[in-house]
Amino acid sequence: GGGGGGGGGRSSCMRLVACLVTRETVTFAAVSAGVFCALGAACYALYGDDFLREAFLYHLSRTDIRHNFSSAFYGAYLTEHSGGGGGGS
């Protein structure tokens, strides 16, 4: 034989990938990306650089943690407001 303990994990991972990557999911991803790009291009054609700054680039330089798209914003939000003790009145 020469099998080993590692083959079962790889096999289950490949089965998972085969379940998730189907013709339907690839088609859905391609259509979604196409619509996103088409709408983005249309808005860029209408509004130019202002669209890019307001829709996308603004969020990269934001410092307001309450409305940030960062994955760690909630932890930072709780940390910032945890020093007060009993809360507001």
PDB file of N, CA and C in Angstrom:
ATOM      1  N   GLY A   1       0.690  -1.177   0.000  1.00  0.00           N
ATOM      2  CA  GLY A   1       0.000   0.000   0.000  1.00  0.00           C
ATOM      3  C   GLY A   1       0.742   1.266   0.000  1.00  0.00           C
ATOM      4  N   GLY A   2       1.300   1.678   1.073  1.00  0.00           N
ATOM      5  CA  GLY A   2       1.994   2.953   1.163  1.00  0.00           C
ATOM      6  C   GLY A   2       1.056   4.136   1.301  1.00  0.00           C
ATOM      7  N   GLY A   3      -0.166   3.908   1.685  1.00  0.00           N
ATOM      8  CA  GLY A   3      -1.084   5.024   1.938  1.00  0.00           C
ATOM      9  C   GLY A   3      -0.569   5.824   3.101  1.00  0.00           C
ATOM     10  N   GLY A   4      -1.310   6.575   3.695  1.00  0.00           N
ATOM     11  CA  GLY A   4      -0.841   7.336   4.842  1.00  0.00           C
ATOM     12  C   GLY A   4      -2.001   8.034   5.491  1.00  0.00           C
ATOM     13  N   GLY A   5      -1.731   8.658   6.583  1.00  0.00           N
ATOM     14  CA  GLY A   5      -2.772   9.346   7.312  1.00  0.00           C
ATOM     15  C   GLY A   5      -3.232  10.623   6.641  1.00  0.00           C
ATOM     16  N   GLY A   6      -2.425  11.213   5.711  1.00  0.00           N
ATOM     17  CA  GLY A   6      -2.758  12.509   5.136  1.00  0.00           C
ATOM     18  C   GLY A   6      -3.740  12.448   3.993  1.00  0.00           C
ATOM     19  N   GLY A   7      -3.952  11.302   3.374  1.00  0.00           N
ATOM     20  CA  GLY A   7      -4.784  11.228   2.183  1.00  0.00           C
ATOM     21  C   GLY A   7      -6.246  11.489   2.442  1.00  0.00           C
ATOM     22  N   GLY A   8      -6.765  11.082   3.597  1.00  0.00           N
ATOM     23  CA  GLY A   8      -8.183  11.257   3.894  1.00  0.00           C
ATOM     24  C   GLY A   8      -8.576  12.717   3.987  1.00  0.00           C
ATOM     25  N   GLY A   9      -7.725  13.534   4.584  1.00  0.00           N
ATOM     26  CA  GLY A   9      -8.009  14.959   4.702  1.00  0.00           C
ATOM     27  C   GLY A   9      -8.024  15.637   3.349  1.00  0.00           C
ATOM     28  N   ARG A  10      -7.095  15.268   2.510  1.00  0.00           N
ATOM     29  CA  ARG A  10      -7.024  15.856   1.170  1.00  0.00           C
ATOM     30  C   ARG A  10      -8.253  15.456   0.363  1.00  0.00           C
ATOM     31  N   SER A  11      -8.653  14.202   0.502  1.00  0.00           N
ATOM     32  CA  SER A  11      -9.807  13.701  -0.233  1.00  0.00           C
ATOM     33  C   SER A  11     -11.083  14.429   0.185  1.00  0.00           C
ATOM     34  N   SER A  12     -11.270  14.636   1.473  1.00  0.00           N
ATOM     35  CA  SER A  12     -12.469  15.337   1.927  1.00  0.00           C
ATOM     36  C   SER A  12     -12.428  16.802   1.509  1.00  0.00           C
ATOM     37  N   CYS A  13     -11.259  17.392   1.471  1.00  0.00           N
ATOM     38  CA  CYS A  13     -11.118  18.775   1.015  1.00  0.00           C
ATOM     39  C   CYS A  13     -11.470  18.868  -0.468  1.00  0.00           C
ATOM     40  N   MET A  14     -11.024  17.921  -1.252  1.00  0.00           N
ATOM     41  CA  MET A  14     -11.334  17.922  -2.679  1.00  0.00           C
ATOM     42  C   MET A  14     -12.831  17.712  -2.906  1.00  0.00           C
ATOM     43  N   ARG A  15     -13.454  16.882  -2.085  1.00  0.00           N
ATOM     44  CA  ARG A  15     -14.903  16.687  -2.208  1.00  0.00           C
ATOM     45  C   ARG A  15     -15.646  17.970  -1.884  1.00  0.00           C
ATOM     46  N   LEU A  16     -15.187  18.685  -0.874  1.00  0.00           N
ATOM     47  CA  LEU A  16     -15.811  19.957  -0.516  1.00  0.00           C
ATOM     48  C   LEU A  16     -15.679  20.957  -1.657  1.00  0.00           C
ATOM     49  N   VAL A  17     -14.487  21.057  -2.225  1.00  0.00           N
ATOM     50  CA  VAL A  17     -14.273  21.971  -3.343  1.00  0.00           C
ATOM     51  C   VAL A  17     -15.153  21.577  -4.519  1.00  0.00           C
ATOM     52  N   ALA A  18     -15.249  20.268  -4.795  1.00  0.00           N
ATOM     53  CA  ALA A  18     -16.081  19.798  -5.901  1.00  0.00           C
ATOM     54  C   ALA A  18     -17.550  20.114  -5.650  1.00  0.00           C
ATOM     55  N   CYS A  19     -17.983  20.092  -4.403  1.00  0.00           N
ATOM     56  CA  CYS A  19     -19.373  20.442  -4.078  1.00  0.00           C
ATOM     57  C   CYS A  19     -19.627  21.937  -4.263  1.00  0.00           C
ATOM     58  N   LEU A  20     -18.669  22.751  -3.899  1.00  0.00           N
ATOM     59  CA  LEU A  20     -18.853  24.196  -3.943  1.00  0.00           C
ATOM     60  C   LEU A  20     -18.642  24.792  -5.330  1.00  0.00           C
ATOM     61  N   VAL A  21     -17.718  24.218  -6.087  1.00  0.00           N
ATOM     62  CA  VAL A  21     -17.398  24.755  -7.407  1.00  0.00           C
ATOM     63  C   VAL A  21     -18.146  23.943  -8.455  1.00  0.00           C
ATOM     64  N   THR A  22     -19.319  24.418  -8.781  1.00  0.00           N
ATOM     65  CA  THR A  22     -20.139  23.763  -9.797  1.00  0.00           C
ATOM     66  C   THR A  22     -20.358  24.754 -10.939  1.00  0.00           C
ATOM     67  N   ARG A  23     -20.947  24.292 -11.995  1.00  0.00           N
ATOM     68  CA  ARG A  23     -21.240  25.171 -13.128  1.00  0.00           C
ATOM     69  C   ARG A  23     -22.124  26.330 -12.676  1.00  0.00           C
ATOM     70  N   GLU A  24     -23.085  26.034 -11.811  1.00  0.00           N
ATOM     71  CA  GLU A  24     -24.007  27.076 -11.357  1.00  0.00           C
ATOM     72  C   GLU A  24     -23.304  28.128 -10.501  1.00  0.00           C
ATOM     73  N   THR A  25     -22.426  27.700  -9.585  1.00  0.00           N
ATOM     74  CA  THR A  25     -21.756  28.677  -8.724  1.00  0.00           C
ATOM     75  C   THR A  25     -20.753  29.508  -9.508  1.00  0.00           C
ATOM     76  N   VAL A  26     -20.073  28.896 -10.471  1.00  0.00           N
ATOM     77  CA  VAL A  26     -19.133  29.650 -11.301  1.00  0.00           C
ATOM     78  C   VAL A  26     -19.891  30.648 -12.177  1.00  0.00           C
ATOM     79  N   THR A  27     -21.028  30.227 -12.728  1.00  0.00           N
ATOM     80  CA  THR A  27     -21.846  31.140 -13.529  1.00  0.00           C
ATOM     81  C   THR A  27     -22.354  32.297 -12.676  1.00  0.00           C
ATOM     82  N   PHE A  28     -22.824  31.997 -11.483  1.00  0.00           N
ATOM     83  CA  PHE A  28     -23.307  33.046 -10.580  1.00  0.00           C
ATOM     84  C   PHE A  28     -22.181  34.033 -10.262  1.00  0.00           C
ATOM     85  N   ALA A  29     -20.994  33.538  -9.953  1.00  0.00           N
ATOM     86  CA  ALA A  29     -19.865  34.417  -9.631  1.00  0.00           C
ATOM     87  C   ALA A  29     -19.481  35.274 -10.828  1.00  0.00           C
ATOM     88  N   ALA A  30     -19.473  34.693 -12.028  1.00  0.00           N
ATOM     89  CA  ALA A  30     -19.104  35.450 -13.228  1.00  0.00           C
ATOM     90  C   ALA A  30     -20.133  36.530 -13.543  1.00  0.00           C
ATOM     91  N   VAL A  31     -21.420  36.202 -13.437  1.00  0.00           N
ATOM     92  CA  VAL A  31     -22.471  37.193 -13.704  1.00  0.00           C
ATOM     93  C   VAL A  31     -22.430  38.299 -12.652  1.00  0.00           C
ATOM     94  N   SER A  32     -22.249  37.930 -11.389  1.00  0.00           N
ATOM     95  CA  SER A  32     -22.178  38.933 -10.320  1.00  0.00           C
ATOM     96  C   SER A  32     -21.002  39.877 -10.523  1.00  0.00           C
ATOM     97  N   ALA A  33     -19.847  39.328 -10.842  1.00  0.00           N
ATOM     98  CA  ALA A  33     -18.661  40.160 -11.082  1.00  0.00           C
ATOM     99  C   ALA A  33     -18.866  41.049 -12.298  1.00  0.00           C
ATOM    100  N   GLY A  34     -19.491  40.511 -13.335  1.00  0.00           N
ATOM    101  CA  GLY A  34     -19.752  41.309 -14.534  1.00  0.00           C
ATOM    102  C   GLY A  34     -20.681  42.474 -14.261  1.00  0.00           C
ATOM    103  N   VAL A  35     -21.748  42.227 -13.504  1.00  0.00           N
ATOM    104  CA  VAL A  35     -22.692  43.297 -13.165  1.00  0.00           C
ATOM    105  C   VAL A  35     -22.004  44.342 -12.292  1.00  0.00           C
ATOM    106  N   PHE A  36     -21.231  43.900 -11.306  1.00  0.00           N
ATOM    107  CA  PHE A  36     -20.511  44.822 -10.432  1.00  0.00           C
ATOM    108  C   PHE A  36     -19.567  45.705 -11.244  1.00  0.00           C
ATOM    109  N   CYS A  37     -18.809  45.088 -12.145  1.00  0.00           N
ATOM    110  CA  CYS A  37     -17.858  45.849 -12.970  1.00  0.00           C
ATOM    111  C   CYS A  37     -18.586  46.783 -13.934  1.00  0.00           C
ATOM    112  N   ALA A  38     -19.684  46.325 -14.534  1.00  0.00           N
ATOM    113  CA  ALA A  38     -20.431  47.162 -15.475  1.00  0.00           C
ATOM    114  C   ALA A  38     -21.027  48.380 -14.772  1.00  0.00           C
ATOM    115  N   LEU A  39     -21.620  48.165 -13.594  1.00  0.00           N
ATOM    116  CA  LEU A  39     -22.171  49.298 -12.851  1.00  0.00           C
ATOM    117  C   LEU A  39     -21.068  50.247 -12.386  1.00  0.00           C
ATOM    118  N   GLY A  40     -19.961  49.682 -11.957  1.00  0.00           N
ATOM    119  CA  GLY A  40     -18.832  50.525 -11.549  1.00  0.00           C
ATOM    120  C   GLY A  40     -18.292  51.341 -12.711  1.00  0.00           C
ATOM    121  N   ALA A  41     -18.186  50.720 -13.888  1.00  0.00           N
ATOM    122  CA  ALA A  41     -17.702  51.437 -15.072  1.00  0.00           C
ATOM    123  C   ALA A  41     -18.693  52.525 -15.491  1.00  0.00           C
ATOM    124  N   ALA A  42     -19.994  52.225 -15.410  1.00  0.00           N
ATOM    125  CA  ALA A  42     -21.012  53.224 -15.765  1.00  0.00           C
ATOM    126  C   ALA A  42     -20.948  54.416 -14.816  1.00  0.00           C
ATOM    127  N   CYS A  43     -20.844  54.145 -13.534  1.00  0.00           N
ATOM    128  CA  CYS A  43     -20.765  55.242 -12.562  1.00  0.00           C
ATOM    129  C   CYS A  43     -19.473  56.028 -12.724  1.00  0.00           C
ATOM    130  N   TYR A  44     -18.382  55.339 -13.040  1.00  0.00           N
ATOM    131  CA  TYR A  44     -17.108  56.032 -13.266  1.00  0.00           C
ATOM    132  C   TYR A  44     -17.210  56.913 -14.505  1.00  0.00           C
ATOM    133  N   ALA A  45     -17.889  56.406 -15.551  1.00  0.00           N
ATOM    134  CA  ALA A  45     -18.061  57.202 -16.770  1.00  0.00           C
ATOM    135  C   ALA A  45     -18.890  58.454 -16.485  1.00  0.00           C
ATOM    136  N   LEU A  46     -19.880  58.331 -15.603  1.00  0.00           N
ATOM    137  CA  LEU A  46     -20.733  59.483 -15.276  1.00  0.00           C
ATOM    138  C   LEU A  46     -20.055  60.466 -14.325  1.00  0.00           C
ATOM    139  N   TYR A  47     -19.363  59.945 -13.296  1.00  0.00           N
ATOM    140  CA  TYR A  47     -18.884  60.806 -12.217  1.00  0.00           C
ATOM    141  C   TYR A  47     -17.365  60.909 -12.096  1.00  0.00           C
ATOM    142  N   GLY A  48     -16.636  60.057 -12.793  1.00  0.00           N
ATOM    143  CA  GLY A  48     -15.175  60.142 -12.809  1.00  0.00           C
ATOM    144  C   GLY A  48     -14.525  59.779 -11.484  1.00  0.00           C
ATOM    145  N   ASP A  49     -13.458  60.479 -11.182  1.00  0.00           N
ATOM    146  CA  ASP A  49     -12.668  60.175  -9.988  1.00  0.00           C
ATOM    147  C   ASP A  49     -13.446  60.404  -8.690  1.00  0.00           C
ATOM    148  N   ASP A  50     -14.413  61.297  -8.719  1.00  0.00           N
ATOM    149  CA  ASP A  50     -15.231  61.508  -7.521  1.00  0.00           C
ATOM    150  C   ASP A  50     -15.923  60.209  -7.104  1.00  0.00           C
ATOM    151  N   PHE A  51     -16.393  59.442  -8.074  1.00  0.00           N
ATOM    152  CA  PHE A  51     -17.035  58.162  -7.777  1.00  0.00           C
ATOM    153  C   PHE A  51     -16.062  57.215  -7.082  1.00  0.00           C
ATOM    154  N   LEU A  52     -14.853  57.095  -7.620  1.00  0.00           N
ATOM    155  CA  LEU A  52     -13.863  56.194  -7.004  1.00  0.00           C
ATOM    156  C   LEU A  52     -13.540  56.622  -5.583  1.00  0.00           C
ATOM    157  N   ARG A  53     -13.330  57.923  -5.396  1.00  0.00           N
ATOM    158  CA  ARG A  53     -12.993  58.419  -4.057  1.00  0.00           C
ATOM    159  C   ARG A  53     -14.121  58.181  -3.069  1.00  0.00           C
ATOM    160  N   GLU A  54     -15.334  58.507  -3.442  1.00  0.00           N
ATOM    161  CA  GLU A  54     -16.462  58.415  -2.514  1.00  0.00           C
ATOM    162  C   GLU A  54     -16.933  56.982  -2.291  1.00  0.00           C
ATOM    163  N   ALA A  55     -16.890  56.151  -3.299  1.00  0.00           N
ATOM    164  CA  ALA A  55     -17.429  54.796  -3.180  1.00  0.00           C
ATOM    165  C   ALA A  55     -16.429  53.798  -2.628  1.00  0.00           C
ATOM    166  N   PHE A  56     -15.166  53.957  -2.955  1.00  0.00           N
ATOM    167  CA  PHE A  56     -14.188  52.928  -2.585  1.00  0.00           C
ATOM    168  C   PHE A  56     -13.018  53.467  -1.771  1.00  0.00           C
ATOM    169  N   LEU A  57     -12.315  54.440  -2.283  1.00  0.00           N
ATOM    170  CA  LEU A  57     -11.061  54.873  -1.676  1.00  0.00           C
ATOM    171  C   LEU A  57     -11.257  55.543  -0.321  1.00  0.00           C
ATOM    172  N   TYR A  58     -12.384  56.179  -0.123  1.00  0.00           N
ATOM    173  CA  TYR A  58     -12.656  56.855   1.153  1.00  0.00           C
ATOM    174  C   TYR A  58     -12.560  55.885   2.330  1.00  0.00           C
ATOM    175  N   HIS A  59     -13.018  54.673   2.135  1.00  0.00           N
ATOM    176  CA  HIS A  59     -13.060  53.708   3.231  1.00  0.00           C
ATOM    177  C   HIS A  59     -11.678  53.211   3.640  1.00  0.00           C
ATOM    178  N   LEU A  60     -10.696  53.384   2.786  1.00  0.00           N
ATOM    179  CA  LEU A  60      -9.340  52.956   3.140  1.00  0.00           C
ATOM    180  C   LEU A  60      -8.677  53.911   4.127  1.00  0.00           C
ATOM    181  N   SER A  61      -9.086  55.167   4.111  1.00  0.00           N
ATOM    182  CA  SER A  61      -8.443  56.149   4.980  1.00  0.00           C
ATOM    183  C   SER A  61      -9.319  56.588   6.135  1.00  0.00           C
ATOM    184  N   ARG A  62     -10.449  55.982   6.329  1.00  0.00           N
ATOM    185  CA  ARG A  62     -11.397  56.337   7.382  1.00  0.00           C
ATOM    186  C   ARG A  62     -10.846  56.076   8.771  1.00  0.00           C
ATOM    187  N   THR A  63     -11.128  56.948   9.678  1.00  0.00           N
ATOM    188  CA  THR A  63     -10.701  56.733  11.062  1.00  0.00           C
ATOM    189  C   THR A  63     -11.884  56.522  11.996  1.00  0.00           C
ATOM    190  N   ASP A  64     -13.092  56.758  11.540  1.00  0.00           N
ATOM    191  CA  ASP A  64     -14.290  56.560  12.345  1.00  0.00           C
ATOM    192  C   ASP A  64     -14.560  55.062  12.453  1.00  0.00           C
ATOM    193  N   ILE A  65     -14.316  54.467  13.625  1.00  0.00           N
ATOM    194  CA  ILE A  65     -14.436  53.015  13.742  1.00  0.00           C
ATOM    195  C   ILE A  65     -15.874  52.538  13.780  1.00  0.00           C
ATOM    196  N   ARG A  66     -16.821  53.413  13.981  1.00  0.00           N
ATOM    197  CA  ARG A  66     -18.216  52.982  14.042  1.00  0.00           C
ATOM    198  C   ARG A  66     -18.747  52.549  12.678  1.00  0.00           C
ATOM    199  N   HIS A  67     -18.220  53.087  11.603  1.00  0.00           N
ATOM    200  CA  HIS A  67     -18.734  52.789  10.282  1.00  0.00           C
ATOM    201  C   HIS A  67     -17.623  52.340   9.341  1.00  0.00           C
ATOM    202  N   ASN A  68     -16.699  51.607   9.849  1.00  0.00           N
ATOM    203  CA  ASN A  68     -15.576  51.164   9.037  1.00  0.00           C
ATOM    204  C   ASN A  68     -15.845  49.755   8.519  1.00  0.00           C
ATOM    205  N   PHE A  69     -15.263  49.409   7.389  1.00  0.00           N
ATOM    206  CA  PHE A  69     -15.405  48.077   6.830  1.00  0.00           C
ATOM    207  C   PHE A  69     -14.306  47.134   7.318  1.00  0.00           C
ATOM    208  N   SER A  70     -13.545  47.539   8.302  1.00  0.00           N
ATOM    209  CA  SER A  70     -12.496  46.695   8.849  1.00  0.00           C
ATOM    210  C   SER A  70     -13.094  45.500   9.565  1.00  0.00           C
ATOM    211  N   SER A  71     -12.419  44.359   9.441  1.00  0.00           N
ATOM    212  CA  SER A  71     -12.904  43.153  10.116  1.00  0.00           C
ATOM    213  C   SER A  71     -12.725  43.243  11.625  1.00  0.00           C
ATOM    214  N   ALA A  72     -11.882  44.154  12.070  1.00  0.00           N
ATOM    215  CA  ALA A  72     -11.610  44.270  13.507  1.00  0.00           C
ATOM    216  C   ALA A  72     -12.303  45.478  14.126  1.00  0.00           C
ATOM    217  N   PHE A  73     -13.254  46.093  13.403  1.00  0.00           N
ATOM    218  CA  PHE A  73     -13.831  47.326  13.923  1.00  0.00           C
ATOM    219  C   PHE A  73     -14.595  47.095  15.222  1.00  0.00           C
ATOM    220  N   TYR A  74     -15.280  45.965  15.374  1.00  0.00           N
ATOM    221  CA  TYR A  74     -16.107  45.758  16.557  1.00  0.00           C
ATOM    222  C   TYR A  74     -15.245  45.664  17.815  1.00  0.00           C
ATOM    223  N   GLY A  75     -14.126  44.956  17.724  1.00  0.00           N
ATOM    224  CA  GLY A  75     -13.203  44.890  18.859  1.00  0.00           C
ATOM    225  C   GLY A  75     -12.657  46.258  19.219  1.00  0.00           C
ATOM    226  N   ALA A  76     -12.295  47.040  18.206  1.00  0.00           N
ATOM    227  CA  ALA A  76     -11.796  48.389  18.464  1.00  0.00           C
ATOM    228  C   ALA A  76     -12.892  49.273  19.042  1.00  0.00           C
ATOM    229  N   TYR A  77     -14.099  49.112  18.549  1.00  0.00           N
ATOM    230  CA  TYR A  77     -15.232  49.882  19.051  1.00  0.00           C
ATOM    231  C   TYR A  77     -15.482  49.571  20.526  1.00  0.00           C
ATOM    232  N   LEU A  78     -15.466  48.287  20.888  1.00  0.00           N
ATOM    233  CA  LEU A  78     -15.681  47.909  22.283  1.00  0.00           C
ATOM    234  C   LEU A  78     -14.541  48.393  23.169  1.00  0.00           C
ATOM    235  N   THR A  79     -13.328  48.320  22.677  1.00  0.00           N
ATOM    236  CA  THR A  79     -12.166  48.758  23.446  1.00  0.00           C
ATOM    237  C   THR A  79     -12.232  50.261  23.697  1.00  0.00           C
ATOM    238  N   GLU A  80     -12.628  51.010  22.695  1.00  0.00           N
ATOM    239  CA  GLU A  80     -12.682  52.467  22.822  1.00  0.00           C
ATOM    240  C   GLU A  80     -13.715  52.893  23.864  1.00  0.00           C
ATOM    241  N   HIS A  81     -14.805  52.156  23.958  1.00  0.00           N
ATOM    242  CA  HIS A  81     -15.909  52.574  24.838  1.00  0.00           C
ATOM    243  C   HIS A  81     -15.989  51.747  26.124  1.00  0.00           C
ATOM    244  N   SER A  82     -14.946  51.027  26.468  1.00  0.00           N
ATOM    245  CA  SER A  82     -15.028  50.174  27.646  1.00  0.00           C
ATOM    246  C   SER A  82     -14.421  50.799  28.894  1.00  0.00           C
ATOM    247  N   GLY A  83     -13.823  51.973  28.781  1.00  0.00           N
ATOM    248  CA  GLY A  83     -13.143  52.543  29.928  1.00  0.00           C
ATOM    249  C   GLY A  83     -14.014  53.320  30.884  1.00  0.00           C
ATOM    250  N   GLY A  84     -15.304  53.487  30.586  1.00  0.00           N
ATOM    251  CA  GLY A  84     -16.133  54.394  31.372  1.00  0.00           C
ATOM    252  C   GLY A  84     -16.788  53.793  32.596  1.00  0.00           C
ATOM    253  N   GLY A  85     -16.806  52.511  32.724  1.00  0.00           N
ATOM    254  CA  GLY A  85     -17.449  51.934  33.902  1.00  0.00           C
ATOM    255  C   GLY A  85     -18.919  51.668  33.695  1.00  0.00           C
ATOM    256  N   GLY A  86     -19.795  52.515  34.242  1.00  0.00           N
ATOM    257  CA  GLY A  86     -21.218  52.228  34.273  1.00  0.00           C
ATOM    258  C   GLY A  86     -22.038  52.688  33.079  1.00  0.00           C
ATOM    259  N   GLY A  87     -21.459  53.365  32.125  1.00  0.00           N
ATOM    260  CA  GLY A  87     -22.238  53.806  30.987  1.00  0.00           C
ATOM    261  C   GLY A  87     -22.766  55.213  31.205  1.00  0.00           C
ATOM    262  N   GLY A  88     -23.519  55.688  30.213  1.00  0.00           N
ATOM    263  CA  GLY A  88     -24.006  57.052  30.272  1.00  0.00           C
ATOM    264  C   GLY A  88     -25.322  57.168  30.990  1.00  0.00           C
ATOM    265  N   SER A  89     -25.742  58.414  31.235  1.00  0.00           N
ATOM    266  CA  SER A  89     -27.027  58.625  31.895  1.00  0.00           C
ATOM    267  C   SER A  89     -28.015  59.308  30.991  1.00  0.00           C
TER     268      SER A  89
END
